[in-house]
Amino acid sequence: MLLRSAGVPFVVRTSAVDEEALVARWTHEHPSVVADPHGLTQALARAKALDVADRVRAGALDDDGATGRRVLVVGADSMLDLDGAILGKATGAQEVRDRWAAMAGRTGVLVTGHTVVDLAPGVPAPGPPPVVEATVATTIRFGRPDPVELEAYIASGEPLAVAGSCTIDGLGGVFIDGVDGDHSNVIGLALPTVRRLLAQLGVRWTDLWELGEPQG
């Protein structure tokens, strides 16, 4: 939705990364910075982007028409930092209830790692492609849904599918009182940051636009 609204064409590809295994390995290798959503989300974003990029380079995604074209692979992953506790997706309804008991009326920080891999024509397949990265943090001020509202929200299934058990661009938006920082980051992709990362690769954001005919 974000990219479509921004006029940028894209293809969605889900990576084959085992996120649970990566998180377990990362926390084991970085015991002194376990409560580090910046490092962890960036590691996840990098793994996802490189996984898809490798498949593009191997020709596994030729149905996208990627052969001979410059392809920019964007990977992202988000987690909510609530007083040092890092929250990804909830595993069940009770975990959503427990989270909201802790989040209601308080603030948390949504951290998203971003990785862009540049697959330009002519880059030798054995060589590593250019990679740029950045993390973005946005403060979220949570409201206080009453018990009936929370149960209805859980029944919708939405809070089980997103980091922090709430999303601002869906049904849960009414339970967020406000954000301080990049609004698009809370939705899932910090577009101003992606624009700056692309600029590091020599890509101008407006050159990606595919705009329809003016209406009227």
Foldseek 3Di string as FASTA:
>chain_A
DVCVVVQFDDDDDWFPDPLVVLLVVVCVVCVVPNLPQFVSFQVQQVVGQVRVVLCVLVVVVCVVVPPQAKDKGKGKAKWKQDPSDTWWADPALVVLVVLLVRQAQHKIKIKMKMKIFIDHPPDDSVDGTDMDIDMDIKMWGFHRDDPVVSVVLVVVVQLRPGHSRAACPDPRVVGTPDMGDQNVVSNPDRVVVVQVRVVVVVDHSVVRGDDDDDDD
